[in-house]
PDB file of N, CA and C in Angstrom:
ATOM      1  N   MET A   1       0.837  -1.170   0.000  1.00  0.00           N
ATOM      2  CA  MET A   1       0.000   0.000   0.000  1.00  0.00           C
ATOM      3  C   MET A   1       0.886   1.239   0.000  1.00  0.00           C
ATOM      4  N   LYS A   2       0.560   2.182  -0.872  1.00  0.00           N
ATOM      5  CA  LYS A   2       1.315   3.432  -0.942  1.00  0.00           C
ATOM      6  C   LYS A   2       0.378   4.582  -0.556  1.00  0.00           C
ATOM      7  N   LEU A   3       0.808   5.360   0.416  1.00  0.00           N
ATOM      8  CA  LEU A   3       0.024   6.510   0.849  1.00  0.00           C
ATOM      9  C   LEU A   3       0.574   7.780   0.213  1.00  0.00           C
ATOM     10  N   THR A   4      -0.313   8.635  -0.214  1.00  0.00           N
ATOM     11  CA  THR A   4       0.077   9.929  -0.747  1.00  0.00           C
ATOM     12  C   THR A   4      -0.655  10.998   0.052  1.00  0.00           C
ATOM     13  N   PHE A   5       0.092  11.925   0.586  1.00  0.00           N
ATOM     14  CA  PHE A   5      -0.501  12.997   1.363  1.00  0.00           C
ATOM     15  C   PHE A   5      -0.506  14.270   0.529  1.00  0.00           C
ATOM     16  N   LYS A   6      -1.647  14.921   0.514  1.00  0.00           N
ATOM     17  CA  LYS A   6      -1.771  16.182  -0.201  1.00  0.00           C
ATOM     18  C   LYS A   6      -2.126  17.260   0.809  1.00  0.00           C
ATOM     19  N   LEU A   7      -1.569  18.415   0.603  1.00  0.00           N
ATOM     20  CA  LEU A   7      -1.748  19.521   1.521  1.00  0.00           C
ATOM     21  C   LEU A   7      -2.713  20.534   0.926  1.00  0.00           C
ATOM     22  N   ASN A   8      -3.693  20.946   1.700  1.00  0.00           N
ATOM     23  CA  ASN A   8      -4.624  21.979   1.279  1.00  0.00           C
ATOM     24  C   ASN A   8      -4.222  23.265   2.009  1.00  0.00           C
ATOM     25  N   PRO A   9      -3.643  24.240   1.291  1.00  0.00           N
ATOM     26  CA  PRO A   9      -3.160  25.459   1.954  1.00  0.00           C
ATOM     27  C   PRO A   9      -4.259  26.220   2.705  1.00  0.00           C
ATOM     28  N   ASP A  10      -5.474  26.219   2.182  1.00  0.00           N
ATOM     29  CA  ASP A  10      -6.570  26.896   2.882  1.00  0.00           C
ATOM     30  C   ASP A  10      -6.816  26.251   4.236  1.00  0.00           C
ATOM     31  N   TYR A  11      -6.850  24.920   4.253  1.00  0.00           N
ATOM     32  CA  TYR A  11      -7.092  24.217   5.505  1.00  0.00           C
ATOM     33  C   TYR A  11      -5.960  24.483   6.504  1.00  0.00           C
ATOM     34  N   VAL A  12      -4.727  24.457   6.043  1.00  0.00           N
ATOM     35  CA  VAL A  12      -3.586  24.675   6.933  1.00  0.00           C
ATOM     36  C   VAL A  12      -3.681  26.057   7.570  1.00  0.00           C
ATOM     37  N   PHE A  13      -3.980  27.070   6.760  1.00  0.00           N
ATOM     38  CA  PHE A  13      -4.101  28.424   7.294  1.00  0.00           C
ATOM     39  C   PHE A  13      -5.251  28.508   8.304  1.00  0.00           C
ATOM     40  N   LEU A  14      -6.414  27.999   7.927  1.00  0.00           N
ATOM     41  CA  LEU A  14      -7.575  28.086   8.809  1.00  0.00           C
ATOM     42  C   LEU A  14      -7.333  27.321  10.109  1.00  0.00           C
ATOM     43  N   HIS A  15      -6.664  26.190  10.015  1.00  0.00           N
ATOM     44  CA  HIS A  15      -6.336  25.418  11.212  1.00  0.00           C
ATOM     45  C   HIS A  15      -5.356  26.203  12.090  1.00  0.00           C
ATOM     46  N   ALA A  16      -4.346  26.798  11.467  1.00  0.00           N
ATOM     47  CA  ALA A  16      -3.342  27.550  12.223  1.00  0.00           C
ATOM     48  C   ALA A  16      -3.946  28.767  12.915  1.00  0.00           C
ATOM     49  N   ILE A  17      -4.813  29.481  12.214  1.00  0.00           N
ATOM     50  CA  ILE A  17      -5.400  30.685  12.814  1.00  0.00           C
ATOM     51  C   ILE A  17      -6.367  30.313  13.941  1.00  0.00           C
ATOM     52  N   ASN A  18      -6.892  29.112  13.907  1.00  0.00           N
ATOM     53  CA  ASN A  18      -7.850  28.659  14.918  1.00  0.00           C
ATOM     54  C   ASN A  18      -7.155  28.105  16.161  1.00  0.00           C
ATOM     55  N   MET A  19      -5.893  27.789  16.069  1.00  0.00           N
ATOM     56  CA  MET A  19      -5.175  27.178  17.185  1.00  0.00           C
ATOM     57  C   MET A  19      -4.582  28.239  18.108  1.00  0.00           C
ATOM     58  N   ALA A  20      -4.567  27.934  19.391  1.00  0.00           N
ATOM     59  CA  ALA A  20      -3.872  28.798  20.339  1.00  0.00           C
ATOM     60  C   ALA A  20      -2.375  28.602  20.101  1.00  0.00           C
ATOM     61  N   GLN A  21      -1.698  29.668  19.807  1.00  0.00           N
ATOM     62  CA  GLN A  21      -0.267  29.581  19.498  1.00  0.00           C
ATOM     63  C   GLN A  21       0.539  30.019  20.720  1.00  0.00           C
ATOM     64  N   HIS A  22       1.244  29.082  21.325  1.00  0.00           N
ATOM     65  CA  HIS A  22       2.092  29.414  22.464  1.00  0.00           C
ATOM     66  C   HIS A  22       3.364  30.103  21.977  1.00  0.00           C
ATOM     67  N   LYS A  23       3.723  29.810  20.762  1.00  0.00           N
ATOM     68  CA  LYS A  23       4.902  30.401  20.144  1.00  0.00           C
ATOM     69  C   LYS A  23       4.534  30.673  18.693  1.00  0.00           C
ATOM     70  N   GLU A  24       4.966  31.812  18.176  1.00  0.00           N
ATOM     71  CA  GLU A  24       4.639  32.142  16.788  1.00  0.00           C
ATOM     72  C   GLU A  24       5.175  31.060  15.852  1.00  0.00           C
ATOM     73  N   PRO A  25       4.326  30.537  14.944  1.00  0.00           N
ATOM     74  CA  PRO A  25       4.805  29.516  14.014  1.00  0.00           C
ATOM     75  C   PRO A  25       5.856  30.066  13.047  1.00  0.00           C
ATOM     76  N   PHE A  26       5.820  31.365  12.807  1.00  0.00           N
ATOM     77  CA  PHE A  26       6.860  32.026  12.027  1.00  0.00           C
ATOM     78  C   PHE A  26       6.906  33.478  12.457  1.00  0.00           C
ATOM     79  N   SER A  27       8.024  34.111  12.193  1.00  0.00           N
ATOM     80  CA  SER A  27       8.189  35.505  12.567  1.00  0.00           C
ATOM     81  C   SER A  27       7.131  36.360  11.874  1.00  0.00           C
ATOM     82  N   GLY A  28       6.421  37.146  12.643  1.00  0.00           N
ATOM     83  CA  GLY A  28       5.399  38.008  12.082  1.00  0.00           C
ATOM     84  C   GLY A  28       3.990  37.441  12.131  1.00  0.00           C
ATOM     85  N   TRP A  29       3.833  36.217  12.682  1.00  0.00           N
ATOM     86  CA  TRP A  29       2.512  35.584  12.731  1.00  0.00           C
ATOM     87  C   TRP A  29       1.508  36.448  13.499  1.00  0.00           C
ATOM     88  N   ALA A  30       1.906  36.936  14.666  1.00  0.00           N
ATOM     89  CA  ALA A  30       0.986  37.741  15.483  1.00  0.00           C
ATOM     90  C   ALA A  30       0.578  39.007  14.729  1.00  0.00           C
ATOM     91  N   GLU A  31       1.537  39.651  14.111  1.00  0.00           N
ATOM     92  CA  GLU A  31       1.229  40.855  13.333  1.00  0.00           C
ATOM     93  C   GLU A  31       0.282  40.520  12.176  1.00  0.00           C
ATOM     94  N   PHE A  32       0.521  39.400  11.540  1.00  0.00           N
ATOM     95  CA  PHE A  32      -0.300  38.943  10.418  1.00  0.00           C
ATOM     96  C   PHE A  32      -1.745  38.714  10.850  1.00  0.00           C
ATOM     97  N   THR A  33      -1.940  37.966  11.930  1.00  0.00           N
ATOM     98  CA  THR A  33      -3.302  37.684  12.391  1.00  0.00           C
ATOM     99  C   THR A  33      -3.954  38.922  13.003  1.00  0.00           C
ATOM    100  N   ASN A  34      -3.163  39.742  13.686  1.00  0.00           N
ATOM    101  CA  ASN A  34      -3.711  40.984  14.237  1.00  0.00           C
ATOM    102  C   ASN A  34      -4.188  41.918  13.135  1.00  0.00           C
ATOM    103  N   ASP A  35      -3.518  41.890  12.000  1.00  0.00           N
ATOM    104  CA  ASP A  35      -3.917  42.700  10.860  1.00  0.00           C
ATOM    105  C   ASP A  35      -5.311  42.302  10.374  1.00  0.00           C
ATOM    106  N   ILE A  36      -5.565  41.006  10.317  1.00  0.00           N
ATOM    107  CA  ILE A  36      -6.896  40.529   9.918  1.00  0.00           C
ATOM    108  C   ILE A  36      -7.926  40.998  10.949  1.00  0.00           C
ATOM    109  N   TRP A  37      -7.604  40.866  12.230  1.00  0.00           N
ATOM    110  CA  TRP A  37      -8.498  41.279  13.310  1.00  0.00           C
ATOM    111  C   TRP A  37      -8.833  42.767  13.189  1.00  0.00           C
ATOM    112  N   GLU A  38      -7.805  43.591  12.982  1.00  0.00           N
ATOM    113  CA  GLU A  38      -8.015  45.037  12.902  1.00  0.00           C
ATOM    114  C   GLU A  38      -8.841  45.433  11.680  1.00  0.00           C
ATOM    115  N   LYS A  39      -8.664  44.724  10.575  1.00  0.00           N
ATOM    116  CA  LYS A  39      -9.407  45.037   9.350  1.00  0.00           C
ATOM    117  C   LYS A  39     -10.887  44.711   9.497  1.00  0.00           C
ATOM    118  N   ASP A  40     -11.175  43.527  10.062  1.00  0.00           N
ATOM    119  CA  ASP A  40     -12.564  43.074  10.084  1.00  0.00           C
ATOM    120  C   ASP A  40     -12.724  41.950  11.106  1.00  0.00           C
ATOM    121  N   LYS A  41     -13.279  42.291  12.252  1.00  0.00           N
ATOM    122  CA  LYS A  41     -13.429  41.307  13.327  1.00  0.00           C
ATOM    123  C   LYS A  41     -14.353  40.150  12.925  1.00  0.00           C
ATOM    124  N   ALA A  42     -15.406  40.453  12.181  1.00  0.00           N
ATOM    125  CA  ALA A  42     -16.321  39.395  11.733  1.00  0.00           C
ATOM    126  C   ALA A  42     -15.586  38.401  10.851  1.00  0.00           C
ATOM    127  N   LEU A  43     -14.748  38.906   9.966  1.00  0.00           N
ATOM    128  CA  LEU A  43     -13.956  38.035   9.091  1.00  0.00           C
ATOM    129  C   LEU A  43     -13.005  37.175   9.919  1.00  0.00           C
ATOM    130  N   PHE A  44     -12.341  37.790  10.904  1.00  0.00           N
ATOM    131  CA  PHE A  44     -11.418  37.030  11.744  1.00  0.00           C
ATOM    132  C   PHE A  44     -12.147  35.901  12.466  1.00  0.00           C
ATOM    133  N   TYR A  45     -13.295  36.213  13.076  1.00  0.00           N
ATOM    134  CA  TYR A  45     -14.059  35.172  13.767  1.00  0.00           C
ATOM    135  C   TYR A  45     -14.452  34.056  12.813  1.00  0.00           C
ATOM    136  N   PHE A  46     -14.897  34.424  11.633  1.00  0.00           N
ATOM    137  CA  PHE A  46     -15.319  33.434  10.647  1.00  0.00           C
ATOM    138  C   PHE A  46     -14.151  32.541  10.232  1.00  0.00           C
ATOM    139  N   LEU A  47     -13.005  33.158   9.922  1.00  0.00           N
ATOM    140  CA  LEU A  47     -11.833  32.388   9.498  1.00  0.00           C
ATOM    141  C   LEU A  47     -11.260  31.546  10.632  1.00  0.00           C
ATOM    142  N   SER A  48     -11.401  32.018  11.854  1.00  0.00           N
ATOM    143  CA  SER A  48     -10.764  31.313  12.966  1.00  0.00           C
ATOM    144  C   SER A  48     -11.626  30.201  13.557  1.00  0.00           C
ATOM    145  N   GLY A  49     -12.624  29.788  12.821  1.00  0.00           N
ATOM    146  CA  GLY A  49     -13.365  28.614  13.250  1.00  0.00           C
ATOM    147  C   GLY A  49     -14.611  28.913  14.039  1.00  0.00           C
ATOM    148  N   ALA A  50     -15.107  30.119  13.940  1.00  0.00           N
ATOM    149  CA  ALA A  50     -16.357  30.459  14.615  1.00  0.00           C
ATOM    150  C   ALA A  50     -17.417  30.739  13.553  1.00  0.00           C
ATOM    151  N   PRO A  51     -17.753  29.726  12.747  1.00  0.00           N
ATOM    152  CA  PRO A  51     -18.700  29.963  11.654  1.00  0.00           C
ATOM    153  C   PRO A  51     -20.083  30.375  12.131  1.00  0.00           C
ATOM    154  N   GLU A  52     -20.389  30.095  13.393  1.00  0.00           N
ATOM    155  CA  GLU A  52     -21.693  30.534  13.893  1.00  0.00           C
ATOM    156  C   GLU A  52     -21.794  32.051  13.910  1.00  0.00           C
ATOM    157  N   TYR A  53     -20.651  32.725  13.835  1.00  0.00           N
ATOM    158  CA  TYR A  53     -20.651  34.180  13.796  1.00  0.00           C
ATOM    159  C   TYR A  53     -21.476  34.697  12.620  1.00  0.00           C
ATOM    160  N   ILE A  54     -21.523  33.920  11.551  1.00  0.00           N
ATOM    161  CA  ILE A  54     -22.293  34.316  10.369  1.00  0.00           C
ATOM    162  C   ILE A  54     -23.769  34.470  10.689  1.00  0.00           C
ATOM    163  N   LEU A  55     -24.242  33.797  11.719  1.00  0.00           N
ATOM    164  CA  LEU A  55     -25.655  33.911  12.088  1.00  0.00           C
ATOM    165  C   LEU A  55     -26.022  35.332  12.507  1.00  0.00           C
ATOM    166  N   PHE A  56     -25.017  36.107  12.900  1.00  0.00           N
ATOM    167  CA  PHE A  56     -25.269  37.470  13.329  1.00  0.00           C
ATOM    168  C   PHE A  56     -25.300  38.457  12.165  1.00  0.00           C
ATOM    169  N   ALA A  57     -24.940  37.983  10.973  1.00  0.00           N
ATOM    170  CA  ALA A  57     -25.035  38.850   9.790  1.00  0.00           C
ATOM    171  C   ALA A  57     -26.510  39.184   9.591  1.00  0.00           C
ATOM    172  N   THR A  58     -26.779  40.431   9.342  1.00  0.00           N
ATOM    173  CA  THR A  58     -28.165  40.903   9.349  1.00  0.00           C
ATOM    174  C   THR A  58     -28.924  40.621   8.062  1.00  0.00           C
ATOM    175  N   SER A  59     -28.227  40.256   7.013  1.00  0.00           N
ATOM    176  CA  SER A  59     -28.918  40.047   5.741  1.00  0.00           C
ATOM    177  C   SER A  59     -28.127  39.094   4.849  1.00  0.00           C
ATOM    178  N   GLN A  60     -28.773  38.653   3.794  1.00  0.00           N
ATOM    179  CA  GLN A  60     -28.103  37.809   2.803  1.00  0.00           C
ATOM    180  C   GLN A  60     -26.927  38.575   2.192  1.00  0.00           C
ATOM    181  N   LYS A  61     -27.117  39.854   1.977  1.00  0.00           N
ATOM    182  CA  LYS A  61     -26.058  40.692   1.405  1.00  0.00           C
ATOM    183  C   LYS A  61     -24.844  40.735   2.343  1.00  0.00           C
ATOM    184  N   ALA A  62     -25.093  40.837   3.643  1.00  0.00           N
ATOM    185  CA  ALA A  62     -24.004  40.859   4.622  1.00  0.00           C
ATOM    186  C   ALA A  62     -23.266  39.524   4.640  1.00  0.00           C
ATOM    187  N   ARG A  63     -24.008  38.413   4.555  1.00  0.00           N
ATOM    188  CA  ARG A  63     -23.365  37.090   4.520  1.00  0.00           C
ATOM    189  C   ARG A  63     -22.526  36.938   3.254  1.00  0.00           C
ATOM    190  N   LYS A  64     -23.066  37.357   2.124  1.00  0.00           N
ATOM    191  CA  LYS A  64     -22.329  37.270   0.870  1.00  0.00           C
ATOM    192  C   LYS A  64     -21.045  38.085   0.951  1.00  0.00           C
ATOM    193  N   SER A  65     -21.132  39.256   1.531  1.00  0.00           N
ATOM    194  CA  SER A  65     -19.956  40.110   1.689  1.00  0.00           C
ATOM    195  C   SER A  65     -18.895  39.421   2.547  1.00  0.00           C
ATOM    196  N   LEU A  66     -19.323  38.774   3.637  1.00  0.00           N
ATOM    197  CA  LEU A  66     -18.388  38.073   4.511  1.00  0.00           C
ATOM    198  C   LEU A  66     -17.700  36.936   3.770  1.00  0.00           C
ATOM    199  N   PHE A  67     -18.449  36.163   2.997  1.00  0.00           N
ATOM    200  CA  PHE A  67     -17.851  35.073   2.219  1.00  0.00           C
ATOM    201  C   PHE A  67     -16.852  35.612   1.200  1.00  0.00           C
ATOM    202  N   GLU A  68     -17.202  36.705   0.549  1.00  0.00           N
ATOM    203  CA  GLU A  68     -16.299  37.294  -0.445  1.00  0.00           C
ATOM    204  C   GLU A  68     -15.014  37.785   0.215  1.00  0.00           C
ATOM    205  N   LYS A  69     -15.145  38.393   1.397  1.00  0.00           N
ATOM    206  CA  LYS A  69     -13.953  38.843   2.133  1.00  0.00           C
ATOM    207  C   LYS A  69     -13.092  37.650   2.528  1.00  0.00           C
ATOM    208  N   ALA A  70     -13.730  36.562   2.956  1.00  0.00           N
ATOM    209  CA  ALA A  70     -12.986  35.363   3.356  1.00  0.00           C
ATOM    210  C   ALA A  70     -12.216  34.800   2.163  1.00  0.00           C
ATOM    211  N   GLU A  71     -12.857  34.716   1.007  1.00  0.00           N
ATOM    212  CA  GLU A  71     -12.169  34.220  -0.190  1.00  0.00           C
ATOM    213  C   GLU A  71     -11.000  35.121  -0.561  1.00  0.00           C
ATOM    214  N   LYS A  72     -11.204  36.420  -0.479  1.00  0.00           N
ATOM    215  CA  LYS A  72     -10.141  37.383  -0.807  1.00  0.00           C
ATOM    216  C   LYS A  72      -8.970  37.245   0.168  1.00  0.00           C
ATOM    217  N   GLU A  73      -9.274  37.094   1.454  1.00  0.00           N
ATOM    218  CA  GLU A  73      -8.222  36.957   2.456  1.00  0.00           C
ATOM    219  C   GLU A  73      -7.453  35.658   2.263  1.00  0.00           C
ATOM    220  N   LEU A  74      -8.134  34.565   1.962  1.00  0.00           N
ATOM    221  CA  LEU A  74      -7.442  33.300   1.714  1.00  0.00           C
ATOM    222  C   LEU A  74      -6.545  33.413   0.484  1.00  0.00           C
ATOM    223  N   LYS A  75      -6.985  34.120  -0.523  1.00  0.00           N
ATOM    224  CA  LYS A  75      -6.161  34.338  -1.715  1.00  0.00           C
ATOM    225  C   LYS A  75      -4.914  35.138  -1.347  1.00  0.00           C
ATOM    226  N   ARG A  76      -5.088  36.171  -0.524  1.00  0.00           N
ATOM    227  CA  ARG A  76      -3.948  36.989  -0.092  1.00  0.00           C
ATOM    228  C   ARG A  76      -2.959  36.144   0.699  1.00  0.00           C
ATOM    229  N   VAL A  77      -3.476  35.262   1.557  1.00  0.00           N
ATOM    230  CA  VAL A  77      -2.605  34.403   2.367  1.00  0.00           C
ATOM    231  C   VAL A  77      -1.784  33.487   1.479  1.00  0.00           C
ATOM    232  N   LYS A  78      -2.419  32.911   0.464  1.00  0.00           N
ATOM    233  CA  LYS A  78      -1.712  32.010  -0.441  1.00  0.00           C
ATOM    234  C   LYS A  78      -0.573  32.722  -1.164  1.00  0.00           C
ATOM    235  N   GLN A  79      -0.768  33.992  -1.459  1.00  0.00           N
ATOM    236  CA  GLN A  79       0.239  34.744  -2.204  1.00  0.00           C
ATOM    237  C   GLN A  79       1.379  35.223  -1.308  1.00  0.00           C
ATOM    238  N   SER A  80       1.151  35.220   0.015  1.00  0.00           N
ATOM    239  CA  SER A  80       2.191  35.742   0.901  1.00  0.00           C
ATOM    240  C   SER A  80       3.200  34.673   1.277  1.00  0.00           C
TER     241      SER A  80
END
């Protein structure tokens, strides 16, 4: 039997941002995540594994906006 492991960069990022970090996984991690927090707290909560936060979005338009921001942020993370 041969096992092949594939890495999903989106999952790795979302898992990392959701974990309590006792030590920065890389230099600048705290600044990186704090930047997301400062830009949009709803986005940070959503990305960090609190999807129930979306329930507080007041409209379909607000939910769509949050999803679009999440996709944009994940794209930015992949490029960094």
